[in-house]
């Protein structure tokens, strides 16, 4: 286990104030005192940062104000203009797949290679004990990095769904004081054509609070399956979450069908669509048509830039080596301009779909900023790992007054500083107290890889 150092010490008293911090204005835009409070004192105003004090009492955040607001007979922690963020929210992860890389890597880096390798490992090795160990390892890393909310997809093919869903419900309860967890089913849309298979899936996930979902492809039965899924979700009063068009094939347009189905059926729940890679290869007219429908349907799109760049435009087996040109990152700027809610997330972690990663939402934000030009201006893109995914999950994700004081303090004073270093000395506050940031040692998983099939 590695205990990570923090750059300052948080008071042990129940009532104290963090003073002279900085935070993105987008996170305090609901507070009128910050309307004209851009900090121009040291750094250029392009960062859209404001100076702020934060009052914590009894584990809750009870106030956010301009500097000096909470001065008085309380303990003050001087932040020296360090950036303060709310704890992070990850909308799209795969805790059940995580960390199988040492046992089952991707033979060629392709999507097909990832799918085959993962299927092989799941059939051979995914017992309750195996999945629990890897899920808890992933949760421990996310918690240490400052995440408080995660939605994970769970492979839900028979018989795995009978193992993973009851286990997920147990882990969600065990982690309830540290992490808010949601689960979404994952199965190929072709598997759900069969009504008995679909009924069995719904009967399994709904008692455990699961969200129906599927990976969608352009199959002849797509509309019928989507209609079935939407109607079942409406009957159950639950949301939907899809893996959508995870390909560079410009003819992959299931996003269009999902959006139109939501409109036609008057679906009122939340719909999340992940990936949407094929949009990056479509014509302007096709893009306009798709995004207009997505905007009307209320879909939230979550981009997974690190995973997409790992898999997309790989050399096909047997072909000459080539440098990737098309990376599969979806059209975040165009979506945001239409008012479509957009989020970013980790996706896979050390498995055949992505060989790297540590469920560090700040890393995801840093890389997404570089990959997708989430800057110039940087404005409110921080919402992609805080307020937007939380709202999609039906939760709060900002500086919420009279809610638990779940914060991430960094030594950085500007976005340039924040995004140039990994912020390994960040301080994570949960319920008003600094946690001991312990990253689990990879060696604790070694027993999973020495006695099982590979």
Foldseek 3Di string as FASTA:
>chain_A
DDFFAAPDAADPDQKEKEAFEKEACLQVVVPVQCPPAQDPPPDHSLQNMGTWMWIGHQQFTADIHHGPPPDDPHHYHYLVLFYKFFFWAFQEAAQQQAPCQVFFAQPFLAPVSQVVRSVVCCVFARALVLSVVSSVLLVLLLLLLGHAEYEYEYECDPPVLVRPLVSVLVVCVVCVQRHHYAYEYEDALVQVPDPVSVVVSCVRRVVSRYAYEYEYWPDPCRLVSLLVNLVVCVVSVHEYEYAADLALPLPRDVLQSNLVSLVVVVRDAEYEYEQQLNLQNYDPVVNVNSLVSLLVNQYEYEYAQQLQQSHYQTDDPPDDHDDRDRRRTDDVVVNVVSVHHYAYHNYYACGRSHNHDRRNVLLRLLVCCVPVVCPPRVRPNVCRTFARSQVSVVHGGHSDHPHRRWMKTASDNGVVRSNPDVRSNIFTRTSRRTDRSDNDDSVVSVVSNPPTHD
